């Protein structure tokens, strides 16, 4: 079973994503902020989904950390944000892809499937 790790501080979005991925056969790990990711205290997933704007931390900083860490550098990272202007910043931070909120369940599932 493939594992998706989602970092999102909005409980409604987190719950919705967890339901979508669980129903599609994925194991889902959820984190309301990026602190555990920055200290490498998490089960390694097959892919990371990280919100750009988290409480107290920038999702792009988490992405940079993951992509410079030898243990996680090869794991795909998808950044999501309500701002379309984040795309270039996400790619510059090392993200493998970007998806703009609001996104459809189908679009996010297809994007994740493309990477794992």
N, C-alpha and C. Protein backbone atom coordinates (compact mmCIF):
# COMPACT_ATOMS: atom_id res chain seq x y z
N UNK A 1 0.85 -1.18 0.00
CA UNK A 1 0.00 0.00 0.00
C UNK A 1 0.90 1.25 0.00
N UNK A 2 0.64 2.15 -0.92
CA UNK A 2 1.41 3.39 -1.02
C UNK A 2 0.97 4.36 0.08
N UNK A 3 1.93 5.15 0.56
CA UNK A 3 1.67 6.08 1.65
C UNK A 3 1.82 7.53 1.19
N UNK A 4 0.80 8.34 1.52
CA UNK A 4 0.80 9.77 1.24
C UNK A 4 0.91 10.49 2.57
N UNK A 5 1.88 11.39 2.69
CA UNK A 5 2.00 12.21 3.89
C UNK A 5 1.51 13.61 3.53
N UNK A 6 0.50 14.06 4.28
CA UNK A 6 -0.13 15.36 4.02
C UNK A 6 0.15 16.30 5.19
N UNK A 7 0.66 17.48 4.87
CA UNK A 7 0.87 18.52 5.88
C UNK A 7 -0.04 19.69 5.51
N UNK A 8 -1.05 19.91 6.34
CA UNK A 8 -2.07 20.94 6.09
C UNK A 8 -2.62 21.39 7.42
N UNK A 9 -2.70 22.72 7.65
CA UNK A 9 -3.18 23.21 8.93
C UNK A 9 -4.67 23.52 8.96
N UNK A 10 -5.34 23.42 7.84
CA UNK A 10 -6.80 23.60 7.82
C UNK A 10 -7.45 22.24 8.03
N UNK A 11 -8.11 22.04 9.19
CA UNK A 11 -8.68 20.71 9.49
C UNK A 11 -9.67 20.21 8.45
N UNK A 12 -10.45 21.10 7.86
CA UNK A 12 -11.44 20.67 6.86
C UNK A 12 -10.75 20.13 5.61
N UNK A 13 -9.72 20.82 5.15
CA UNK A 13 -8.98 20.36 3.97
C UNK A 13 -8.25 19.06 4.29
N UNK A 14 -7.65 19.00 5.47
CA UNK A 14 -6.94 17.79 5.89
C UNK A 14 -7.88 16.60 5.91
N UNK A 15 -9.05 16.77 6.52
CA UNK A 15 -10.02 15.67 6.59
C UNK A 15 -10.47 15.23 5.20
N UNK A 16 -10.75 16.20 4.34
CA UNK A 16 -11.20 15.88 2.99
C UNK A 16 -10.13 15.09 2.23
N UNK A 17 -8.87 15.54 2.31
CA UNK A 17 -7.79 14.84 1.62
C UNK A 17 -7.59 13.45 2.19
N UNK A 18 -7.68 13.34 3.50
CA UNK A 18 -7.51 12.03 4.13
C UNK A 18 -8.58 11.05 3.64
N UNK A 19 -9.81 11.50 3.55
CA UNK A 19 -10.91 10.65 3.06
C UNK A 19 -10.68 10.26 1.61
N UNK A 20 -10.32 11.23 0.77
CA UNK A 20 -10.11 10.97 -0.66
C UNK A 20 -9.03 9.92 -0.87
N UNK A 21 -7.90 10.08 -0.19
CA UNK A 21 -6.80 9.14 -0.40
C UNK A 21 -7.05 7.79 0.25
N UNK A 22 -7.68 7.77 1.41
CA UNK A 22 -7.99 6.50 2.07
C UNK A 22 -8.95 5.69 1.21
N UNK A 23 -9.98 6.34 0.70
CA UNK A 23 -10.96 5.64 -0.15
C UNK A 23 -10.34 5.15 -1.46
N UNK A 24 -9.23 5.76 -1.85
CA UNK A 24 -8.55 5.36 -3.09
C UNK A 24 -7.46 4.33 -2.83
N UNK A 25 -7.38 3.84 -1.58
CA UNK A 25 -6.47 2.75 -1.28
C UNK A 25 -5.10 3.14 -0.78
N UNK A 26 -4.92 4.39 -0.42
CA UNK A 26 -3.64 4.84 0.10
C UNK A 26 -3.63 4.79 1.63
N UNK A 27 -2.46 4.60 2.19
CA UNK A 27 -2.25 4.83 3.62
C UNK A 27 -1.95 6.32 3.74
N UNK A 28 -2.58 6.97 4.71
CA UNK A 28 -2.43 8.42 4.84
C UNK A 28 -1.85 8.79 6.19
N UNK A 29 -0.81 9.60 6.16
CA UNK A 29 -0.22 10.18 7.37
C UNK A 29 -0.53 11.67 7.33
N UNK A 30 -1.02 12.23 8.43
CA UNK A 30 -1.37 13.65 8.44
C UNK A 30 -0.62 14.40 9.53
N UNK A 31 -0.23 15.62 9.19
CA UNK A 31 0.47 16.50 10.13
C UNK A 31 -0.10 17.90 9.97
N UNK A 32 -0.53 18.53 11.08
CA UNK A 32 -1.12 19.86 10.99
C UNK A 32 -0.08 20.98 10.83
N UNK A 33 1.19 20.65 11.01
CA UNK A 33 2.26 21.62 10.78
C UNK A 33 3.51 20.84 10.37
N UNK A 34 4.55 21.57 10.05
CA UNK A 34 5.74 20.90 9.53
C UNK A 34 6.83 20.60 10.53
N UNK A 35 6.57 20.82 11.81
CA UNK A 35 7.65 20.67 12.78
C UNK A 35 8.23 19.25 12.81
N UNK A 36 7.40 18.24 12.74
CA UNK A 36 7.89 16.85 12.74
C UNK A 36 8.73 16.56 11.50
N UNK A 37 8.37 17.16 10.38
CA UNK A 37 9.12 16.93 9.15
C UNK A 37 10.50 17.58 9.23
N UNK A 38 10.58 18.72 9.88
CA UNK A 38 11.86 19.42 9.98
C UNK A 38 12.85 18.72 10.90
N UNK A 39 12.36 17.87 11.79
CA UNK A 39 13.26 17.12 12.68
C UNK A 39 13.26 15.63 12.34
N UNK A 40 12.72 15.31 11.17
CA UNK A 40 12.72 13.95 10.64
C UNK A 40 12.07 12.93 11.58
N UNK A 41 10.96 13.33 12.20
CA UNK A 41 10.21 12.43 13.08
C UNK A 41 8.88 12.05 12.42
N UNK A 42 8.99 11.19 11.41
CA UNK A 42 7.81 10.74 10.68
C UNK A 42 8.16 9.45 9.95
N UNK A 43 7.14 8.66 9.65
CA UNK A 43 7.33 7.48 8.81
C UNK A 43 7.51 7.96 7.38
N UNK A 44 8.48 7.42 6.70
CA UNK A 44 8.74 7.85 5.33
C UNK A 44 7.61 7.42 4.40
N UNK A 45 7.06 8.38 3.68
CA UNK A 45 5.97 8.08 2.75
C UNK A 45 6.51 7.82 1.34
N UNK A 46 5.59 7.56 0.43
CA UNK A 46 5.94 7.45 -0.99
C UNK A 46 5.87 8.81 -1.67
N UNK A 47 5.14 9.75 -1.04
CA UNK A 47 5.00 11.11 -1.58
C UNK A 47 4.58 12.05 -0.45
N UNK A 48 5.03 13.31 -0.56
CA UNK A 48 4.63 14.36 0.38
C UNK A 48 3.69 15.33 -0.33
N UNK A 49 2.59 15.70 0.34
CA UNK A 49 1.71 16.79 -0.10
C UNK A 49 1.81 17.85 0.99
N UNK A 50 2.32 19.02 0.64
CA UNK A 50 2.58 20.04 1.65
C UNK A 50 1.93 21.36 1.25
N UNK A 51 1.14 21.90 2.18
CA UNK A 51 0.54 23.22 1.96
C UNK A 51 1.63 24.27 2.04
N UNK A 52 1.56 25.25 1.20
CA UNK A 52 2.57 26.33 1.17
C UNK A 52 2.47 27.18 2.43
N UNK A 53 1.26 27.51 2.85
CA UNK A 53 1.06 28.44 3.96
C UNK A 53 0.59 27.69 5.20
N UNK A 54 1.54 27.33 6.04
CA UNK A 54 1.23 26.64 7.29
C UNK A 54 1.39 27.61 8.46
N UNK A 55 0.75 27.32 9.56
CA UNK A 55 0.88 28.16 10.75
C UNK A 55 2.33 28.12 11.25
N UNK A 56 2.97 29.27 11.23
CA UNK A 56 4.29 29.39 11.81
C UNK A 56 5.44 28.90 10.96
N UNK A 57 5.15 28.32 9.81
CA UNK A 57 6.24 27.81 8.96
C UNK A 57 5.82 27.83 7.50
N UNK A 58 6.78 27.99 6.66
CA UNK A 58 6.55 28.03 5.22
C UNK A 58 6.72 26.63 4.66
N UNK A 59 5.73 26.16 3.93
CA UNK A 59 5.82 24.84 3.31
C UNK A 59 7.00 24.71 2.36
N UNK A 60 7.43 25.83 1.79
CA UNK A 60 8.60 25.79 0.90
C UNK A 60 9.87 25.48 1.68
N UNK A 61 9.95 25.97 2.92
CA UNK A 61 11.11 25.65 3.77
C UNK A 61 11.14 24.15 4.09
N UNK A 62 9.96 23.58 4.31
CA UNK A 62 9.89 22.14 4.56
C UNK A 62 10.35 21.38 3.32
N UNK A 63 9.89 21.82 2.17
CA UNK A 63 10.28 21.19 0.91
C UNK A 63 11.80 21.25 0.73
N UNK A 64 12.39 22.40 0.96
CA UNK A 64 13.86 22.53 0.84
C UNK A 64 14.56 21.56 1.77
N UNK A 65 14.06 21.47 3.01
CA UNK A 65 14.66 20.56 3.98
C UNK A 65 14.58 19.11 3.49
N UNK A 66 13.41 18.71 3.02
CA UNK A 66 13.23 17.33 2.56
C UNK A 66 14.11 17.02 1.35
N UNK A 67 14.23 17.98 0.46
CA UNK A 67 15.00 17.75 -0.77
C UNK A 67 16.50 17.82 -0.55
N UNK A 68 16.96 18.38 0.56
CA UNK A 68 18.39 18.40 0.84
C UNK A 68 18.80 17.29 1.81
N UNK A 69 17.83 16.59 2.35
CA UNK A 69 18.10 15.48 3.27
C UNK A 69 18.27 14.21 2.43
N UNK A 70 19.42 13.53 2.52
CA UNK A 70 19.63 12.33 1.72
C UNK A 70 18.56 11.24 1.92
N UNK A 71 17.97 11.17 3.08
CA UNK A 71 16.96 10.14 3.34
C UNK A 71 15.62 10.42 2.66
N UNK A 72 15.35 11.68 2.32
CA UNK A 72 14.06 12.02 1.72
C UNK A 72 14.17 12.72 0.37
N UNK A 73 15.38 12.97 -0.09
CA UNK A 73 15.56 13.77 -1.30
C UNK A 73 14.94 13.18 -2.55
N UNK A 74 14.79 11.87 -2.59
CA UNK A 74 14.23 11.21 -3.78
C UNK A 74 12.71 11.04 -3.72
N UNK A 75 12.11 11.35 -2.58
CA UNK A 75 10.66 11.22 -2.42
C UNK A 75 9.98 12.44 -3.04
N UNK A 76 9.01 12.24 -3.93
CA UNK A 76 8.35 13.37 -4.57
C UNK A 76 7.64 14.27 -3.55
N UNK A 77 7.71 15.57 -3.82
CA UNK A 77 7.02 16.58 -3.01
C UNK A 77 6.11 17.38 -3.93
N UNK A 78 4.84 17.47 -3.54
CA UNK A 78 3.89 18.32 -4.24
C UNK A 78 3.47 19.42 -3.27
N UNK A 79 3.64 20.66 -3.69
CA UNK A 79 3.21 21.81 -2.90
C UNK A 79 1.83 22.22 -3.41
N UNK A 80 0.94 22.57 -2.48
CA UNK A 80 -0.33 23.12 -2.90
C UNK A 80 -0.58 24.44 -2.20
N UNK A 81 -1.28 25.34 -2.91
CA UNK A 81 -1.52 26.68 -2.40
C UNK A 81 -2.71 27.30 -3.11
N UNK A 82 -3.33 28.27 -2.44
CA UNK A 82 -4.43 29.01 -3.04
C UNK A 82 -3.91 30.06 -4.03
N UNK A 83 -2.62 30.32 -4.00
CA UNK A 83 -2.04 31.33 -4.88
C UNK A 83 -1.34 30.67 -6.06
N UNK A 84 -1.75 31.00 -7.28
CA UNK A 84 -1.10 30.41 -8.46
C UNK A 84 0.34 30.91 -8.63
N UNK A 85 0.68 32.02 -7.97
CA UNK A 85 2.01 32.61 -8.10
C UNK A 85 3.08 31.82 -7.35
N UNK A 86 2.67 30.81 -6.62
CA UNK A 86 3.61 30.01 -5.84
C UNK A 86 4.33 28.97 -6.70
N UNK A 87 3.80 28.68 -7.86
CA UNK A 87 4.37 27.62 -8.71
C UNK A 87 5.89 27.75 -8.87
N UNK A 88 6.36 28.89 -9.33
CA UNK A 88 7.80 29.07 -9.58
C UNK A 88 8.60 28.94 -8.29
N UNK A 89 8.07 29.45 -7.19
CA UNK A 89 8.76 29.34 -5.90
C UNK A 89 8.83 27.87 -5.45
N UNK A 90 7.75 27.14 -5.70
CA UNK A 90 7.71 25.73 -5.31
C UNK A 90 8.76 24.93 -6.08
N UNK A 91 8.83 25.16 -7.36
CA UNK A 91 9.81 24.45 -8.19
C UNK A 91 11.23 24.85 -7.77
N UNK A 92 11.44 26.12 -7.50
CA UNK A 92 12.76 26.59 -7.07
C UNK A 92 13.16 25.98 -5.72
N UNK A 93 12.17 25.67 -4.88
CA UNK A 93 12.43 25.05 -3.58
C UNK A 93 12.69 23.55 -3.70
N UNK A 94 12.52 23.01 -4.89
CA UNK A 94 12.79 21.59 -5.11
C UNK A 94 11.56 20.72 -5.26
N UNK A 95 10.38 21.34 -5.20
CA UNK A 95 9.15 20.55 -5.34
C UNK A 95 9.11 19.89 -6.72
N UNK A 96 8.52 18.71 -6.74
CA UNK A 96 8.36 18.00 -8.01
C UNK A 96 7.19 18.53 -8.80
N UNK A 97 6.21 19.09 -8.08
CA UNK A 97 5.04 19.64 -8.77
C UNK A 97 4.29 20.56 -7.84
N UNK A 98 3.25 21.18 -8.39
CA UNK A 98 2.43 22.15 -7.68
C UNK A 98 0.99 21.97 -8.11
N UNK A 99 0.06 22.15 -7.18
CA UNK A 99 -1.36 22.14 -7.53
C UNK A 99 -2.04 23.29 -6.79
N UNK A 100 -2.87 24.01 -7.51
CA UNK A 100 -3.54 25.18 -6.95
C UNK A 100 -4.86 24.81 -6.28
N UNK A 101 -5.10 25.37 -5.09
CA UNK A 101 -6.39 25.23 -4.41
C UNK A 101 -7.35 26.24 -5.03
N UNK A 102 -8.61 25.94 -5.12
CA UNK A 102 -9.19 24.62 -4.84
C UNK A 102 -8.91 23.68 -6.00
N UNK A 103 -8.70 22.43 -5.68
CA UNK A 103 -8.46 21.42 -6.70
C UNK A 103 -9.52 20.34 -6.55
N UNK A 104 -9.76 19.63 -7.63
CA UNK A 104 -10.73 18.54 -7.59
C UNK A 104 -10.06 17.30 -7.02
N UNK A 105 -10.88 16.43 -6.46
CA UNK A 105 -10.36 15.16 -5.95
C UNK A 105 -9.66 14.39 -7.06
N UNK A 106 -10.27 14.39 -8.23
CA UNK A 106 -9.72 13.67 -9.37
C UNK A 106 -8.35 14.22 -9.75
N UNK A 107 -8.22 15.54 -9.77
CA UNK A 107 -6.95 16.16 -10.16
C UNK A 107 -5.83 15.82 -9.19
N UNK A 108 -6.10 15.87 -7.89
CA UNK A 108 -5.05 15.58 -6.92
C UNK A 108 -4.70 14.10 -6.94
N UNK A 109 -5.68 13.22 -7.11
CA UNK A 109 -5.39 11.79 -7.21
C UNK A 109 -4.56 11.48 -8.45
N UNK A 110 -4.88 12.09 -9.57
CA UNK A 110 -4.13 11.86 -10.80
C UNK A 110 -2.70 12.38 -10.67
N UNK A 111 -2.54 13.52 -10.03
CA UNK A 111 -1.20 14.08 -9.85
C UNK A 111 -0.35 13.17 -8.98
N UNK A 112 -0.90 12.70 -7.88
CA UNK A 112 -0.16 11.81 -6.99
C UNK A 112 0.17 10.51 -7.71
N UNK A 113 -0.79 9.95 -8.44
CA UNK A 113 -0.57 8.69 -9.16
C UNK A 113 0.56 8.83 -10.19
N UNK A 114 0.73 10.01 -10.73
CA UNK A 114 1.78 10.25 -11.71
C UNK A 114 3.18 10.07 -11.10
N UNK A 115 3.28 10.31 -9.81
CA UNK A 115 4.59 10.28 -9.14
C UNK A 115 4.88 9.00 -8.36
N UNK A 116 3.84 8.24 -8.04
CA UNK A 116 4.12 7.00 -7.27
C UNK A 116 3.47 5.79 -7.92
